[in-house]
Amino acid sequence: MSRVSAKVYHFETMRTARLLVGCAVLFVSLAVVLVPTVYRLGVYGVLAAVGLVVLAIGSSAVAAGRSEDAGLLFEFRLRRTFRRVCLERKLTGAVGKGERPLYPAYGRLIGSADAFRLVIRPHIGQTVAEWEKAAPAFSLAFESKPVRFEDTGNGLVAMKVGTQLVNSKPLEDVLDQVADDEHQSWREQFATVVIGQTEQGEAYGLPLIDTHTLIAGITGAGKGSWIWSVVLRLVPAAKAGAVKFWGFDPKRMELSLGRELFEDRYAAKPEDMVELLEKAHDEMQERASSLAGKARKFEPSRAMPMHVLVIDELGYLAALIQDRKVAAKVEKALSGILVLGRAVGFVVIGALQDPRKSTLDFRDLFPTRVAMRLPKGMVDLVLGTGMYEAGAHCDLIPAGKNGAGVAYVLAENSTVPQCIRASWCDDETIRKVAESFGEPPALAS
């Protein structure tokens, strides 16, 4: 998820490099002061002088090499730019006539020239809002990279510059980071389904149960990565009978790769998709009737599984079907599932390219929003008003492999968009998992 050409620096290696530079300065100073004296003291004096010179030269060479690798020059340039913006935007301490400005202290720099995170200790009385007002100035100073500020919760402010992305990993590698708890209930397992990584490379869990998820992004943004990361993660639960998949595949190029996973709940033609959607709506109503007066919260089980409706091109299904009667049936069934479904275990994962109202009139019924690479004007349509200013710079997500699968996520009850990259799911893996879906479990030898 990162521009792999950019070297990543870390404050701990910088600290070690500064220590080496300090040692090199000390040895050079000793050589300059002592060599003119000790070399006159005979053979031993000459040997001591040569030793000091060699030590000074060696330590300087090591310090120079380590400084470049650790990014001390990068840090120096960053500090100079940071202080200039602080001075211009009046983020320094009180300055009297003829006095030097008091700059905010900072530390814990992690990142690269493309994207980095810097922890700042603001002056007493400063707020995150004051720093956010200066974000455009910092962005311009840092070569028009997106800049956002966050309260770390301990009196410090984190400045994030650029789109910080970690390298994409296959889903199985991401799952290795997660400790499976066999004692968790199905509801607990479906509360957050691990499907990718955060900016820091940590496993990310997407909320699934009790919510619907809207995935929006232009062609090539990697919407398939999000869809398949969720589906493949749920395959063990589906084999156990706790999940049922429904597939709506108007393009016939995405979900057809894992056709077997959807069993008889798969459709691609408009009339078939309408029939399948109405079937899901009827089953949802039947479940609601069966649960009425018995439970206030749906609990997934083998007897009553969670139903996951995967719609690859939601825009086509919702608005682009030409037949008005068919479109009316779609709207009635789909809006009914979106309004009532999540309470009884029918959740929708819908992907589309155009999030405008003319394409999807009921996009507000999706509590969880995923905004991939999109034009700037569409970001707030997906995530909500003010989310672009809050840091969801979807228009700056790199095109091609570097940005494929990258998105800003806004979950229900959250006000801050989070940058996530879904795991990489290759075609061969999808086919193999789908082909083995109906096979009985292997017997222990």
Protein backbone atom coordinates (compact mmCIF):
# COMPACT_ATOMS: atom_id res chain seq x y z
CA MET A 1 0.00 0.00 0.00
CA SER A 2 2.80 2.40 -0.26
CA ARG A 3 4.88 3.83 -2.96
CA VAL A 4 7.54 1.18 -2.67
CA SER A 5 10.22 3.44 -4.13
CA ALA A 6 10.14 5.74 -1.11
CA LYS A 7 12.41 4.81 1.80
CA VAL A 8 10.59 4.69 5.14
CA TYR A 9 12.25 6.36 8.14
CA HIS A 10 11.61 5.75 11.82
CA PHE A 11 12.32 7.97 14.83
CA GLU A 12 14.16 5.16 16.66
CA THR A 13 16.73 4.72 13.88
CA MET A 14 17.04 8.50 13.70
CA ARG A 15 17.80 8.58 17.40
CA THR A 16 20.55 5.99 16.96
CA ALA A 17 21.97 7.92 14.00
CA ARG A 18 22.08 11.13 16.04
CA LEU A 19 24.00 9.30 18.76
CA LEU A 20 26.54 8.09 16.18
CA VAL A 21 26.89 11.62 14.82
CA GLY A 22 27.53 12.87 18.34
CA CYS A 23 30.23 10.25 18.86
CA ALA A 24 31.83 11.14 15.52
CA VAL A 25 31.91 14.83 16.46
CA LEU A 26 33.50 13.94 19.79
CA PHE A 27 36.25 11.82 18.16
CA VAL A 28 36.96 14.44 15.50
CA SER A 29 37.22 17.12 18.20
CA LEU A 30 39.61 14.97 20.23
CA ALA A 31 41.72 14.33 17.13
CA VAL A 32 41.91 18.03 16.28
CA VAL A 33 42.89 18.97 19.83
CA LEU A 34 45.20 16.08 20.79
CA VAL A 35 46.96 14.97 17.57
CA PRO A 36 49.22 18.08 17.34
CA THR A 37 50.41 17.31 20.87
CA VAL A 38 50.68 13.54 21.14
CA TYR A 39 52.53 12.87 17.87
CA ARG A 40 55.59 14.62 19.34
CA LEU A 41 55.83 12.12 22.18
CA GLY A 42 57.84 9.57 20.27
CA VAL A 43 56.74 6.34 18.68
CA TYR A 44 53.84 5.83 21.08
CA GLY A 45 52.67 9.37 20.49
CA VAL A 46 52.67 8.82 16.71
CA LEU A 47 50.70 5.59 17.13
CA ALA A 48 48.19 7.36 19.40
CA ALA A 49 47.81 10.19 16.88
CA VAL A 50 47.26 7.73 14.03
CA GLY A 51 44.72 5.87 16.15
CA LEU A 52 42.80 9.06 16.89
CA VAL A 53 42.76 10.04 13.24
CA VAL A 54 41.59 6.58 12.14
CA LEU A 55 38.91 6.59 14.85
CA ALA A 56 37.74 10.05 13.82
CA ILE A 57 37.61 9.15 10.12
CA GLY A 58 35.94 5.77 10.74
CA SER A 59 33.31 7.14 13.10
CA SER A 60 32.58 9.99 10.69
CA ALA A 61 32.14 7.56 7.80
CA VAL A 62 29.81 5.30 9.83
CA ALA A 63 27.83 8.31 11.09
CA ALA A 64 27.49 9.73 7.58
CA GLY A 65 26.26 6.43 6.16
CA ARG A 66 23.87 5.79 9.01
CA SER A 67 22.56 9.37 8.88
CA GLU A 68 21.60 8.97 5.24
CA ASP A 69 19.90 5.63 5.86
CA ALA A 70 18.12 6.92 8.96
CA GLY A 71 16.83 10.03 7.20
CA LEU A 72 18.47 12.80 9.24
CA LEU A 73 18.68 15.01 6.15
CA PHE A 74 14.99 14.32 5.46
CA GLU A 75 14.20 15.24 9.07
CA PHE A 76 16.25 18.45 8.82
CA ARG A 77 14.37 19.59 5.73
CA LEU A 78 11.05 18.65 7.26
CA ARG A 79 11.82 20.58 10.46
CA ARG A 80 12.79 23.67 8.48
CA THR A 81 9.56 23.57 6.47
CA PHE A 82 7.49 22.80 9.57
CA ARG A 83 8.89 25.78 11.48
CA ARG A 84 8.40 28.17 8.58
CA VAL A 85 4.73 27.28 8.31
CA CYS A 86 4.30 27.50 12.10
CA LEU A 87 5.80 30.98 12.04
CA GLU A 88 3.63 32.20 9.17
CA ARG A 89 0.44 30.69 10.61
CA LYS A 90 1.17 32.01 14.11
CA LEU A 91 1.46 28.60 15.72
CA THR A 92 4.62 29.58 17.60
CA GLY A 93 4.72 30.75 21.19
CA ALA A 94 4.39 34.39 22.19
CA VAL A 95 7.17 36.37 20.54
CA GLY A 96 8.27 39.80 21.73
CA LYS A 97 10.22 42.32 19.71
CA GLY A 98 13.69 41.02 19.03
CA GLU A 99 12.96 37.64 20.65
CA ARG A 100 13.37 34.28 18.94
CA PRO A 101 10.11 32.43 18.17
CA LEU A 102 9.20 29.50 20.39
CA TYR A 103 8.39 26.64 18.03
CA PRO A 104 6.17 23.70 19.05
CA ALA A 105 8.22 20.65 19.98
CA TYR A 106 7.84 17.48 17.99
CA GLY A 107 9.15 13.93 17.89
CA ARG A 108 8.28 10.41 16.73
CA LEU A 109 8.61 10.95 13.00
CA ILE A 110 7.67 7.87 10.96
CA GLY A 111 7.31 7.67 7.19
CA SER A 112 8.87 8.73 3.93
CA ALA A 113 9.06 11.71 1.63
CA ASP A 114 5.75 10.53 0.13
CA ALA A 115 3.86 10.13 3.39
CA PHE A 116 4.78 10.55 7.03
CA ARG A 117 3.34 10.94 10.54
CA LEU A 118 4.73 13.49 12.97
CA VAL A 119 3.71 13.80 16.63
CA ILE A 120 3.55 17.41 17.82
CA ARG A 121 3.43 18.82 21.33
CA PRO A 122 1.30 21.99 20.91
CA HIS A 123 1.68 25.01 23.12
CA ILE A 124 -0.67 25.29 26.09
CA GLY A 125 -3.96 26.75 24.91
CA GLN A 126 -3.71 25.53 21.32
CA THR A 127 -6.42 23.25 19.92
CA VAL A 128 -6.55 20.66 17.15
CA ALA A 129 -8.95 22.99 15.33
CA GLU A 130 -6.25 25.69 15.16
CA TRP A 131 -3.85 23.22 13.56
CA GLU A 132 -6.52 22.02 11.14
CA LYS A 133 -7.00 25.59 9.92
CA ALA A 134 -3.33 25.59 8.93
CA ALA A 135 -3.63 22.26 7.06
CA PRO A 136 -3.85 23.90 3.59
CA ALA A 137 -0.63 25.86 4.29
CA PHE A 138 1.19 22.72 5.43
CA SER A 139 -0.16 20.84 2.41
CA LEU A 140 1.22 23.43 -0.01
CA ALA A 141 4.56 23.54 1.81
CA PHE A 142 4.82 19.75 1.61
CA GLU A 143 4.29 19.72 -2.17
CA SER A 144 0.47 19.63 -2.12
CA LYS A 145 0.23 16.37 -0.17
CA PRO A 146 -2.96 15.93 1.89
CA VAL A 147 -2.49 16.97 5.54
CA ARG A 148 -4.72 16.16 8.50
CA PHE A 149 -4.38 16.50 12.28
CA GLU A 150 -5.64 14.13 14.98
CA ASP A 151 -5.81 14.33 18.76
CA THR A 152 -3.76 11.42 20.12
CA GLY A 153 -5.59 11.56 23.46
CA ASN A 154 -2.52 12.30 25.59
CA GLY A 155 -2.05 16.03 25.04
CA LEU A 156 -0.28 15.59 21.69
CA VAL A 157 -1.35 16.11 18.10
CA ALA A 158 -0.50 13.77 15.22
CA MET A 159 0.08 15.39 11.83
CA LYS A 160 -0.43 12.97 8.93
CA VAL A 161 1.02 14.09 5.62
CA GLY A 162 0.29 12.23 2.39
CA THR A 163 -1.65 9.02 1.89
CA GLN A 164 0.10 6.56 4.15
CA LEU A 165 -0.25 3.09 2.71
CA VAL A 166 1.30 -0.25 3.54
CA ASN A 167 2.11 -2.90 0.99
CA SER A 168 -0.75 -5.12 -0.08
CA LYS A 169 -0.79 -8.63 1.35
CA PRO A 170 -2.68 -11.76 0.32
CA LEU A 171 -5.63 -12.40 2.61
CA GLU A 172 -4.05 -15.46 4.23
CA ASP A 173 -1.03 -13.38 5.28
CA VAL A 174 -3.27 -10.79 6.93
CA LEU A 175 -5.21 -13.48 8.75
CA ASP A 176 -1.95 -14.76 10.24
CA GLN A 177 -1.94 -11.56 12.31
CA VAL A 178 -5.30 -12.47 13.84
CA ALA A 179 -5.64 -14.89 16.70
CA ASP A 180 -8.82 -16.93 16.13
CA ASP A 181 -10.88 -17.38 19.27
CA GLU A 182 -12.94 -20.54 19.01
CA HIS A 183 -14.89 -19.49 22.09
CA GLN A 184 -16.35 -16.43 20.36
CA SER A 185 -20.00 -16.55 19.37
CA TRP A 186 -20.95 -16.13 15.72
CA ARG A 187 -22.18 -12.62 16.50
CA GLU A 188 -18.83 -11.71 18.03
CA GLN A 189 -17.00 -13.11 15.00
CA PHE A 190 -19.18 -11.16 12.56
CA ALA A 191 -18.95 -7.90 14.53
CA THR A 192 -15.66 -7.10 12.77
CA VAL A 193 -14.40 -9.24 9.90
CA VAL A 194 -10.67 -8.89 9.22
CA ILE A 195 -10.27 -8.04 5.54
CA GLY A 196 -7.16 -5.87 5.25
CA GLN A 197 -4.68 -3.55 6.91
CA THR A 198 -4.55 -0.09 8.44
CA GLU A 199 -2.00 2.59 7.54
CA GLN A 200 0.29 1.18 10.23
CA GLY A 201 0.09 -2.37 8.83
CA GLU A 202 -2.22 -3.67 11.55
CA ALA A 203 -5.12 -6.02 10.77
CA TYR A 204 -8.36 -4.17 10.08
CA GLY A 205 -11.81 -5.55 10.87
CA LEU A 206 -14.78 -4.31 8.83
CA PRO A 207 -18.10 -4.14 10.72
CA LEU A 208 -20.51 -6.61 9.13
CA ILE A 209 -23.38 -7.76 11.29
CA ASP A 210 -26.11 -5.16 11.99
CA THR A 211 -24.95 -2.96 9.12
CA HIS A 212 -24.93 -2.57 5.34
CA THR A 213 -21.76 -1.63 3.47
CA LEU A 214 -21.52 0.65 0.45
CA ILE A 215 -18.32 0.45 -1.62
CA ALA A 216 -17.83 3.25 -4.16
CA GLY A 217 -14.91 3.73 -6.53
CA ILE A 218 -14.10 4.40 -10.16
CA THR A 219 -13.17 1.61 -12.55
CA GLY A 220 -9.87 0.03 -11.52
CA ALA A 221 -10.01 1.23 -7.91
CA GLY A 222 -10.12 -2.35 -6.63
CA LYS A 223 -13.70 -2.82 -5.43
CA GLY A 224 -13.31 -6.55 -6.06
CA SER A 225 -10.62 -6.71 -3.38
CA TRP A 226 -13.12 -5.52 -0.78
CA ILE A 227 -15.87 -7.86 -1.93
CA TRP A 228 -13.71 -10.98 -2.05
CA SER A 229 -11.84 -10.18 1.16
CA VAL A 230 -15.18 -10.24 2.98
CA VAL A 231 -16.54 -13.31 1.19
CA LEU A 232 -13.39 -15.43 1.53
CA ARG A 233 -13.04 -14.48 5.20
CA LEU A 234 -16.58 -15.77 5.79
CA VAL A 235 -16.15 -19.06 3.91
CA PRO A 236 -15.36 -21.09 7.09
CA ALA A 237 -18.55 -19.75 8.66
CA ALA A 238 -20.47 -20.54 5.47
CA LYS A 239 -19.15 -24.11 5.49
CA ALA A 240 -20.34 -24.36 9.11
CA GLY A 241 -23.79 -23.17 8.03
CA ALA A 242 -23.72 -19.83 9.88
CA VAL A 243 -23.57 -17.72 6.68
CA LYS A 244 -25.42 -17.83 3.37
CA PHE A 245 -24.20 -15.84 0.34
CA TRP A 246 -26.39 -14.24 -2.32
CA GLY A 247 -24.72 -13.04 -5.52
CA PHE A 248 -25.96 -10.36 -7.92
CA ASP A 249 -23.52 -10.15 -10.81
CA PRO A 250 -24.74 -8.00 -13.74
CA LYS A 251 -21.23 -7.73 -15.23
CA ARG A 252 -20.79 -11.53 -14.97
CA MET A 253 -17.05 -10.92 -14.61
CA GLU A 254 -16.58 -10.68 -10.84
CA LEU A 255 -18.76 -12.96 -8.71
CA SER A 256 -18.79 -15.65 -11.38
CA LEU A 257 -15.21 -16.49 -10.32
CA GLY A 258 -16.62 -17.94 -7.10
CA ARG A 259 -19.94 -19.11 -8.48
CA GLU A 260 -20.09 -22.21 -6.26
CA LEU A 261 -20.04 -20.13 -3.07
CA PHE A 262 -23.49 -18.74 -3.84
CA GLU A 263 -25.04 -22.16 -4.53
CA ASP A 264 -28.53 -21.52 -6.01
CA ARG A 265 -28.56 -17.88 -4.82
CA TYR A 266 -26.78 -16.36 -7.82
CA ALA A 267 -28.16 -14.27 -10.68
CA ALA A 268 -26.73 -12.20 -13.53
CA LYS A 269 -29.58 -11.36 -15.92
CA PRO A 270 -31.91 -8.46 -14.95
CA GLU A 271 -35.04 -10.62 -14.65
CA ASP A 272 -33.17 -13.27 -12.66
CA MET A 273 -31.69 -10.68 -10.30
CA VAL A 274 -35.12 -9.19 -9.66
CA GLU A 275 -36.55 -12.62 -8.88
CA LEU A 276 -33.65 -13.44 -6.57
CA LEU A 277 -33.90 -10.08 -4.81
CA GLU A 278 -37.62 -10.57 -4.21
CA LYS A 279 -36.88 -14.05 -2.86
CA ALA A 280 -34.38 -12.58 -0.39
CA HIS A 281 -36.94 -9.95 0.62
CA ASP A 282 -39.59 -12.62 1.25
CA GLU A 283 -37.21 -14.76 3.32
CA MET A 284 -36.29 -11.68 5.33
CA GLN A 285 -39.97 -11.04 6.07
CA GLU A 286 -40.48 -14.66 7.10
CA ARG A 287 -37.56 -14.44 9.52
CA ALA A 288 -38.86 -11.16 10.96
CA SER A 289 -42.20 -12.87 11.63
CA SER A 290 -40.51 -15.87 13.25
CA LEU A 291 -38.48 -13.61 15.56
CA ALA A 292 -41.34 -11.29 16.49
CA GLY A 293 -41.90 -11.29 20.24
CA LYS A 294 -39.04 -13.74 20.84
CA ALA A 295 -35.84 -11.71 20.55
CA ARG A 296 -34.73 -8.10 20.24
CA LYS A 297 -31.38 -8.92 18.66
CA PHE A 298 -30.56 -11.40 15.93
CA GLU A 299 -28.13 -14.13 16.98
CA PRO A 300 -26.53 -16.00 14.03
CA SER A 301 -26.52 -19.79 14.22
CA ARG A 302 -26.54 -22.81 11.95
CA ALA A 303 -30.30 -22.94 12.32
CA MET A 304 -30.64 -19.22 11.58
CA PRO A 305 -27.63 -18.07 9.49
CA MET A 306 -26.65 -14.55 8.55
CA HIS A 307 -27.46 -13.78 4.92
CA VAL A 308 -24.90 -11.69 3.01
CA LEU A 309 -26.20 -10.13 -0.21
CA VAL A 310 -23.29 -9.20 -2.48
CA ILE A 311 -24.23 -6.81 -5.29
CA ASP A 312 -21.36 -6.09 -7.64
CA GLU A 313 -22.90 -3.24 -9.68
CA LEU A 314 -25.43 -1.67 -7.34
CA GLY A 315 -25.91 1.33 -9.62
CA TYR A 316 -27.10 -0.87 -12.49
CA LEU A 317 -29.46 -2.83 -10.29
CA ALA A 318 -30.87 0.25 -8.57
CA ALA A 319 -31.24 2.77 -11.39
CA LEU A 320 -30.03 1.64 -14.79
CA ILE A 321 -32.52 -1.13 -15.56
CA GLN A 322 -34.58 0.31 -18.42
CA ASP A 323 -37.88 -1.46 -17.75
CA ARG A 324 -39.76 0.74 -15.27
CA LYS A 325 -41.83 -2.10 -13.87
CA VAL A 326 -38.70 -4.14 -13.24
CA ALA A 327 -36.94 -1.13 -11.72
CA ALA A 328 -39.91 -0.54 -9.41
CA LYS A 329 -39.71 -4.14 -8.17
CA VAL A 330 -35.99 -3.73 -7.53
CA GLU A 331 -36.49 -0.53 -5.59
CA LYS A 332 -39.25 -2.02 -3.44
CA ALA A 333 -37.34 -5.18 -2.58
CA LEU A 334 -33.92 -3.59 -2.12
CA SER A 335 -35.11 -0.64 -0.06
CA GLY A 336 -37.10 -3.05 2.12
CA ILE A 337 -33.99 -5.16 2.79
CA LEU A 338 -31.89 -2.07 3.51
CA VAL A 339 -34.46 -0.70 5.97
CA LEU A 340 -35.37 -3.91 7.78
CA GLY A 341 -32.76 -6.52 6.90
CA ARG A 342 -29.86 -5.83 9.22
CA ALA A 343 -32.06 -6.28 12.29
CA VAL A 344 -32.81 -9.89 11.31
CA GLY A 345 -29.47 -10.90 9.78
CA PHE A 346 -29.82 -9.84 6.13
CA VAL A 347 -26.89 -7.55 5.29
CA VAL A 348 -26.02 -5.98 1.95
CA ILE A 349 -22.57 -5.33 0.51
CA GLY A 350 -23.05 -3.14 -2.53
CA ALA A 351 -20.39 -1.83 -4.92
CA LEU A 352 -20.89 0.93 -7.47
CA GLN A 353 -18.99 3.47 -9.55
CA ASP A 354 -21.30 6.51 -9.40
CA PRO A 355 -22.60 7.44 -5.93
CA ARG A 356 -24.85 10.33 -7.04
CA LYS A 357 -28.52 10.41 -6.04
CA SER A 358 -29.56 9.91 -9.65
CA THR A 359 -27.80 6.54 -9.54
CA LEU A 360 -28.52 5.40 -5.98
CA ASP A 361 -31.41 7.19 -4.33
CA PHE A 362 -31.12 5.30 -1.03
CA ARG A 363 -27.38 5.43 -0.40
CA ASP A 364 -28.09 6.90 3.05
CA LEU A 365 -29.40 3.49 4.13
CA PHE A 366 -25.84 2.14 4.21
CA PRO A 367 -24.36 2.81 7.70
CA THR A 368 -20.85 1.69 6.68
CA ARG A 369 -19.29 3.56 3.75
CA VAL A 370 -16.14 2.71 1.81
CA ALA A 371 -14.82 5.41 -0.55
CA MET A 372 -12.11 4.27 -2.95
CA ARG A 373 -10.47 6.34 -5.68
CA LEU A 374 -13.09 8.95 -6.61
CA PRO A 375 -13.25 12.51 -7.96
CA LYS A 376 -13.02 15.07 -5.16
CA GLY A 377 -16.65 16.15 -5.57
CA MET A 378 -17.96 12.62 -4.94
CA VAL A 379 -16.13 11.93 -1.67
CA ASP A 380 -18.65 13.69 0.57
CA LEU A 381 -21.50 12.01 -1.36
CA VAL A 382 -20.22 8.65 -0.15
CA LEU A 383 -18.81 9.39 3.31
CA GLY A 384 -20.84 12.43 4.32
CA THR A 385 -20.44 16.20 4.45
CA GLY A 386 -17.01 17.42 5.50
CA MET A 387 -15.25 14.06 5.16
CA TYR A 388 -12.91 15.29 2.42
CA GLU A 389 -11.77 18.11 4.71
CA ALA A 390 -11.42 15.54 7.50
CA GLY A 391 -8.76 13.77 5.46
CA ALA A 392 -10.54 11.41 3.06
CA HIS A 393 -8.61 12.53 -0.01
CA CYS A 394 -9.85 9.79 -2.33
CA ASP A 395 -8.81 11.74 -5.42
CA LEU A 396 -5.18 11.45 -4.31
CA ILE A 397 -5.18 7.65 -3.98
CA PRO A 398 -2.59 6.46 -6.54
CA ALA A 399 -3.84 4.85 -9.73
CA GLY A 400 -2.75 1.37 -10.70
CA LYS A 401 -1.32 -1.29 -8.37
CA ASN A 402 -0.05 1.19 -5.79
CA GLY A 403 -3.58 2.34 -5.01
CA ALA A 404 -5.67 -0.72 -5.86
CA GLY A 405 -7.82 -1.77 -2.92
CA VAL A 406 -7.14 1.44 -0.98
CA ALA A 407 -10.11 3.24 0.54
CA TYR A 408 -11.25 5.59 3.27
CA VAL A 409 -13.77 3.92 5.55
CA LEU A 410 -16.39 5.59 7.71
CA ALA A 411 -18.19 3.16 9.99
CA GLU A 412 -21.41 3.84 11.83
CA ASN A 413 -20.92 6.03 14.94
CA SER A 414 -17.54 7.22 13.59
CA THR A 415 -16.67 10.78 12.60
CA VAL A 416 -13.11 10.22 11.33
CA PRO A 417 -12.42 8.42 8.02
CA GLN A 418 -9.80 5.69 8.26
CA CYS A 419 -7.43 4.77 5.42
CA ILE A 420 -7.53 1.01 4.79
CA ARG A 421 -6.25 -1.34 2.13
CA ALA A 422 -8.17 -4.52 1.47
CA SER A 423 -6.21 -7.71 1.04
CA TRP A 424 -5.24 -9.01 -2.36
CA CYS A 425 -7.38 -11.91 -3.57
CA ASP A 426 -6.10 -13.42 -6.81
CA ASP A 427 -8.35 -15.24 -9.27
CA GLU A 428 -6.76 -18.63 -8.68
CA THR A 429 -7.36 -18.46 -4.92
CA ILE A 430 -11.00 -17.50 -5.41
CA ARG A 431 -11.56 -20.40 -7.83
CA LYS A 432 -9.86 -22.93 -5.55
CA VAL A 433 -11.85 -21.85 -2.49
CA ALA A 434 -15.09 -21.91 -4.47
CA GLU A 435 -14.41 -25.34 -6.00
CA SER A 436 -13.69 -26.86 -2.58
CA PHE A 437 -16.69 -25.18 -0.93
CA GLY A 438 -19.04 -28.14 -1.25
CA GLU A 439 -16.47 -30.80 -0.38
CA PRO A 440 -16.88 -32.64 2.94
CA PRO A 441 -14.23 -31.92 5.58
CA ALA A 442 -11.13 -34.14 5.54
CA LEU A 443 -11.14 -36.98 8.08
CA ALA A 444 -8.41 -37.04 10.70
CA SER A 445 -5.82 -39.72 10.01
